[in-house]
C-alpha atoms as a PDB file:
ATOM      1  CA  MET A   1     -11.590  13.697  21.507  1.00  0.00           C
ATOM      2  CA  SER A   2      -8.293  11.943  22.038  1.00  0.00           C
ATOM      3  CA  GLY A   3      -5.580  11.837  19.415  1.00  0.00           C
ATOM      4  CA  CYS A   4      -5.547   8.038  19.622  1.00  0.00           C
ATOM      5  CA  LYS A   5      -8.747   7.860  17.590  1.00  0.00           C
ATOM      6  CA  TYR A   6      -6.933   9.300  14.571  1.00  0.00           C
ATOM      7  CA  VAL A   7      -4.091   6.804  14.983  1.00  0.00           C
ATOM      8  CA  GLU A   8      -6.632   3.982  15.085  1.00  0.00           C
ATOM      9  CA  ASP A   9      -8.338   5.350  11.971  1.00  0.00           C
ATOM     10  CA  ASN A  10      -5.037   5.599  10.073  1.00  0.00           C
ATOM     11  CA  ALA A  11      -4.015   2.078  11.115  1.00  0.00           C
ATOM     12  CA  ALA A  12      -7.390   0.667  10.063  1.00  0.00           C
ATOM     13  CA  PHE A  13      -7.234   2.507   6.734  1.00  0.00           C
ATOM     14  CA  SER A  14      -3.679   1.345   5.993  1.00  0.00           C
ATOM     15  CA  SER A  15      -4.666  -2.226   6.895  1.00  0.00           C
ATOM     16  CA  GLY A  16      -7.595  -1.992   4.491  1.00  0.00           C
ATOM     17  CA  PHE A  17      -5.281  -0.609   1.812  1.00  0.00           C
ATOM     18  CA  ALA A  18      -2.890  -3.543   2.344  1.00  0.00           C
ATOM     19  CA  THR A  19      -5.834  -5.924   1.985  1.00  0.00           C
ATOM     20  CA  LEU A  20      -6.825  -4.155  -1.244  1.00  0.00           C
ATOM     21  CA  ILE A  21      -3.276  -4.540  -2.591  1.00  0.00           C
ATOM     22  CA  ASN A  22      -3.373  -8.231  -1.670  1.00  0.00           C
ATOM     23  CA  ALA A  23      -6.713  -8.660  -3.470  1.00  0.00           C
ATOM     24  CA  ALA A  24      -5.281  -7.012  -6.590  1.00  0.00           C
ATOM     25  CA  ILE A  25      -2.319  -9.409  -6.488  1.00  0.00           C
ATOM     26  CA  VAL A  26      -4.607 -12.427  -6.105  1.00  0.00           C
ATOM     27  CA  LEU A  27      -6.821 -11.219  -8.984  1.00  0.00           C
ATOM     28  CA  GLN A  28      -3.733 -11.158 -11.212  1.00  0.00           C
ATOM     29  CA  GLY A  29      -3.292 -14.881 -10.547  1.00  0.00           C
ATOM     30  CA  TYR A  30      -0.399 -14.669  -8.097  1.00  0.00           C
ATOM     31  CA  ASN A  31      -0.236 -16.158  -4.617  1.00  0.00           C
ATOM     32  CA  SER A  32      -1.684 -14.181  -1.716  1.00  0.00           C
ATOM     33  CA  LEU A  33       0.661 -12.087   0.400  1.00  0.00           C
ATOM     34  CA  SER A  34       1.468 -13.500   3.807  1.00  0.00           C
ATOM     35  CA  ILE A  35       0.041 -11.809   6.876  1.00  0.00           C
ATOM     36  CA  GLY A  36       3.507 -10.445   7.654  1.00  0.00           C
ATOM     37  CA  ALA A  37       3.799  -8.938   4.178  1.00  0.00           C
ATOM     38  CA  GLN A  38       0.353  -7.347   4.507  1.00  0.00           C
ATOM     39  CA  VAL A  39       1.337  -5.911   7.895  1.00  0.00           C
ATOM     40  CA  GLY A  40       4.549  -4.610   6.309  1.00  0.00           C
ATOM     41  CA  VAL A  41       2.574  -2.883   3.549  1.00  0.00           C
ATOM     42  CA  GLY A  42       0.267  -1.353   6.166  1.00  0.00           C
ATOM     43  CA  ILE A  43       3.203  -0.114   8.250  1.00  0.00           C
ATOM     44  CA  GLY A  44       4.877   1.279   5.132  1.00  0.00           C
ATOM     45  CA  ILE A  45       1.741   3.182   4.123  1.00  0.00           C
ATOM     46  CA  THR A  46       1.315   4.534   7.653  1.00  0.00           C
ATOM     47  CA  PHE A  47       4.967   5.641   7.618  1.00  0.00           C
ATOM     48  CA  LEU A  48       4.459   7.435   4.285  1.00  0.00           C
ATOM     49  CA  TRP A  49       1.409   9.230   5.724  1.00  0.00           C
ATOM     50  CA  ALA A  50       3.483  10.258   8.756  1.00  0.00           C
ATOM     51  CA  ILE A  51       6.136  11.725   6.451  1.00  0.00           C
ATOM     52  CA  GLN A  52       3.458  13.541   4.469  1.00  0.00           C
ATOM     53  CA  ASN A  53       1.915  14.947   7.654  1.00  0.00           C
ATOM     54  CA  ALA A  54       5.307  16.273   8.731  1.00  0.00           C
ATOM     55  CA  LEU A  55       5.592  18.461   5.628  1.00  0.00           C
ATOM     56  CA  ARG A  56       5.030  22.209   5.784  1.00  0.00           C
ATOM     57  CA  ILE A  57       1.763  23.589   4.439  1.00  0.00           C
ATOM     58  CA  ASP A  58       3.353  24.878   1.216  1.00  0.00           C
ATOM     59  CA  GLN A  59       4.878  21.455   0.587  1.00  0.00           C
ATOM     60  CA  GLN A  60       1.489  19.892   1.264  1.00  0.00           C
ATOM     61  CA  GLY A  61       0.045  22.227  -1.365  1.00  0.00           C
ATOM     62  CA  TRP A  62       2.590  21.147  -3.970  1.00  0.00           C
ATOM     63  CA  LEU A  63       1.926  17.517  -3.132  1.00  0.00           C
ATOM     64  CA  ASN A  64      -1.797  18.169  -3.492  1.00  0.00           C
ATOM     65  CA  ASN A  65      -1.246  19.849  -6.876  1.00  0.00           C
ATOM     66  CA  PHE A  66       0.849  16.897  -8.055  1.00  0.00           C
ATOM     67  CA  ALA A  67      -1.856  14.455  -6.932  1.00  0.00           C
ATOM     68  CA  ALA A  68      -4.549  16.485  -8.702  1.00  0.00           C
ATOM     69  CA  PHE A  69      -2.620  16.514 -11.990  1.00  0.00           C
ATOM     70  CA  LEU A  70      -1.826  12.806 -11.623  1.00  0.00           C
ATOM     71  CA  GLN A  71      -5.496  11.943 -11.074  1.00  0.00           C
ATOM     72  CA  PHE A  72      -6.667  14.188 -13.906  1.00  0.00           C
ATOM     73  CA  GLY A  73      -4.046  12.790 -16.271  1.00  0.00           C
ATOM     74  CA  SER A  74      -4.854   9.213 -15.267  1.00  0.00           C
ATOM     75  CA  THR A  75      -8.539   9.833 -15.923  1.00  0.00           C
ATOM     76  CA  ILE A  76      -7.807  11.164 -19.394  1.00  0.00           C
ATOM     77  CA  VAL A  77      -5.544   8.200 -20.178  1.00  0.00           C
ATOM     78  CA  ILE A  78      -8.186   5.705 -18.988  1.00  0.00           C
ATOM     79  CA  VAL A  79     -10.940   7.370 -21.043  1.00  0.00           C
ATOM     80  CA  VAL A  80      -8.765   7.435 -24.169  1.00  0.00           C
ATOM     81  CA  ILE A  81      -7.755   3.789 -23.728  1.00  0.00           C
ATOM     82  CA  LEU A  82     -11.377   2.768 -23.231  1.00  0.00           C
ATOM     83  CA  LEU A  83     -12.489   4.654 -26.332  1.00  0.00           C
ATOM     84  CA  VAL A  84      -9.685   3.232 -28.466  1.00  0.00           C
ATOM     85  CA  MET A  85      -9.734  -0.364 -27.224  1.00  0.00           C
ATOM     86  CA  VAL A  86     -13.480  -1.043 -27.000  1.00  0.00           C
ATOM     87  CA  PRO A  87     -14.528  -3.454 -29.759  1.00  0.00           C
ATOM     88  CA  GLU A  88     -18.115  -2.199 -30.040  1.00  0.00           C
ATOM     89  CA  ARG A  89     -19.661   1.068 -28.901  1.00  0.00           C
ATOM     90  CA  ALA A  90     -23.177   1.364 -27.517  1.00  0.00           C
ATOM     91  CA  THR A  91     -25.704   3.418 -29.403  1.00  0.00           C
ATOM     92  CA  THR A  92     -27.105   6.627 -27.962  1.00  0.00           C
ATOM     93  CA  HIS A  93     -30.435   4.882 -27.464  1.00  0.00           C
ATOM     94  CA  ASN A  94     -28.810   2.132 -25.382  1.00  0.00           C
ATOM     95  CA  VAL A  95     -26.876   4.593 -23.252  1.00  0.00           C
ATOM     96  CA  PHE A  96     -29.628   7.086 -22.430  1.00  0.00           C
ATOM     97  CA  THR A  97     -32.995   5.367 -22.775  1.00  0.00           C
ATOM     98  CA  SER A  98     -32.738   1.597 -22.368  1.00  0.00           C
ATOM     99  CA  THR A  99     -32.855  -0.034 -18.940  1.00  0.00           C
ATOM    100  CA  TYR A 100     -32.708  -3.583 -17.648  1.00  0.00           C
ATOM    101  CA  ASN A 101     -34.532  -4.293 -14.412  1.00  0.00           C
ATOM    102  CA  SER A 102     -34.528  -7.946 -13.417  1.00  0.00           C
ATOM    103  CA  THR A 103     -35.261  -7.302  -9.721  1.00  0.00           C
ATOM    104  CA  GLY A 104     -39.029  -7.575  -9.914  1.00  0.00           C
ATOM    105  CA  PHE A 105     -39.432  -4.176  -8.236  1.00  0.00           C
ATOM    106  CA  PRO A 106     -40.929  -1.144 -10.003  1.00  0.00           C
ATOM    107  CA  PHE A 107     -38.444   0.971 -11.956  1.00  0.00           C
ATOM    108  CA  SER A 108     -38.972   4.051  -9.750  1.00  0.00           C
ATOM    109  CA  TYR A 109     -38.164   2.029  -6.604  1.00  0.00           C
ATOM    110  CA  VAL A 110     -34.965   0.662  -8.173  1.00  0.00           C
ATOM    111  CA  CYS A 111     -33.885   4.198  -9.135  1.00  0.00           C
ATOM    112  CA  PHE A 112     -34.629   5.452  -5.624  1.00  0.00           C
ATOM    113  CA  ILE A 113     -32.609   2.675  -3.968  1.00  0.00           C
ATOM    114  CA  GLY A 114     -29.793   3.162  -6.464  1.00  0.00           C
ATOM    115  CA  ILE A 115     -29.447   6.862  -5.698  1.00  0.00           C
ATOM    116  CA  LEU A 116     -29.470   6.459  -1.903  1.00  0.00           C
ATOM    117  CA  SER A 117     -25.746   5.729  -1.690  1.00  0.00           C
ATOM    118  CA  THR A 118     -24.894   8.952  -3.506  1.00  0.00           C
ATOM    119  CA  LEU A 119     -27.306  10.980  -1.407  1.00  0.00           C
ATOM    120  CA  PHE A 120     -25.741   9.593   1.771  1.00  0.00           C
ATOM    121  CA  SER A 121     -22.436  11.292   0.962  1.00  0.00           C
ATOM    122  CA  PHE A 122     -24.199  14.658   0.793  1.00  0.00           C
ATOM    123  CA  SER A 123     -25.758  14.229   4.234  1.00  0.00           C
ATOM    124  CA  GLY A 124     -22.459  14.785   6.069  1.00  0.00           C
ATOM    125  CA  TYR A 125     -22.821  11.848   8.443  1.00  0.00           C
ATOM    126  CA  GLU A 126     -20.445   9.432   6.721  1.00  0.00           C
ATOM    127  CA  GLY A 127     -17.422  10.811   8.590  1.00  0.00           C
ATOM    128  CA  ASN A 128     -19.127  11.728  11.843  1.00  0.00           C
ATOM    129  CA  HIS A 129     -17.398  10.589  15.022  1.00  0.00           C
ATOM    130  CA  CYS A 130     -20.538  10.939  17.126  1.00  0.00           C
ATOM    131  CA  ASN A 131     -23.502   8.672  17.477  1.00  0.00           C
ATOM    132  CA  PHE A 132     -25.756   9.053  14.435  1.00  0.00           C
ATOM    133  CA  LYS A 133     -28.844   9.594  16.599  1.00  0.00           C
ATOM    134  CA  TYR A 134     -27.237  12.541  18.403  1.00  0.00           C
ATOM    135  CA  ALA A 135     -25.816  13.950  15.179  1.00  0.00           C
ATOM    136  CA  PHE A 136     -29.279  13.883  13.614  1.00  0.00           C
ATOM    137  CA  ILE A 137     -30.829  15.626  16.645  1.00  0.00           C
ATOM    138  CA  LEU A 138     -28.069  18.244  16.611  1.00  0.00           C
ATOM    139  CA  SER A 139     -28.531  18.839  12.905  1.00  0.00           C
ATOM    140  CA  LEU A 140     -32.168  19.640  13.571  1.00  0.00           C
ATOM    141  CA  ASN A 141     -30.994  22.290  16.046  1.00  0.00           C
ATOM    142  CA  ASP A 142     -28.520  23.655  13.466  1.00  0.00           C
ATOM    143  CA  SER A 143     -25.575  22.893  15.727  1.00  0.00           C
ATOM    144  CA  SER A 144     -22.238  21.841  14.283  1.00  0.00           C
ATOM    145  CA  TRP A 145     -20.150  20.949  17.352  1.00  0.00           C
ATOM    146  CA  CYS A 146     -20.534  17.249  16.610  1.00  0.00           C
ATOM    147  CA  SER A 147     -19.450  17.418  12.979  1.00  0.00           C
ATOM    148  CA  TYR A 148     -16.349  15.753  11.551  1.00  0.00           C
ATOM    149  CA  GLY A 149     -13.046  17.217  12.680  1.00  0.00           C
END
């Protein structure tokens, strides 16, 4: 596999990230970023990833540790803010036993469809660079040469 595929993936991901930033700005009531500004954000993110990839493995580890603590701390802050700021809390009955199904489908079918997206991530095909049909056939043969990486 050529190295260009990874460059294309990084460029597409940074473009999507720039679009996400633009959407967040628009949701706050501000004007949309221009195409040039979105391209600039994408280039900036790609440049930051290039700097990160140039770090030694021990520096990558420290950066990973920092990111883990930042994510864990952010999660705790969000949970505390939600618990403190919510005007009314749901009862235990509402949380664990009540459901609302307005689809017209049976409850078991709705649960099955709802869990499919989480099961897909366990299948290992979401990051596969090969054709799904061939990856499925190879998985039946217990071969891993077509897996991500």
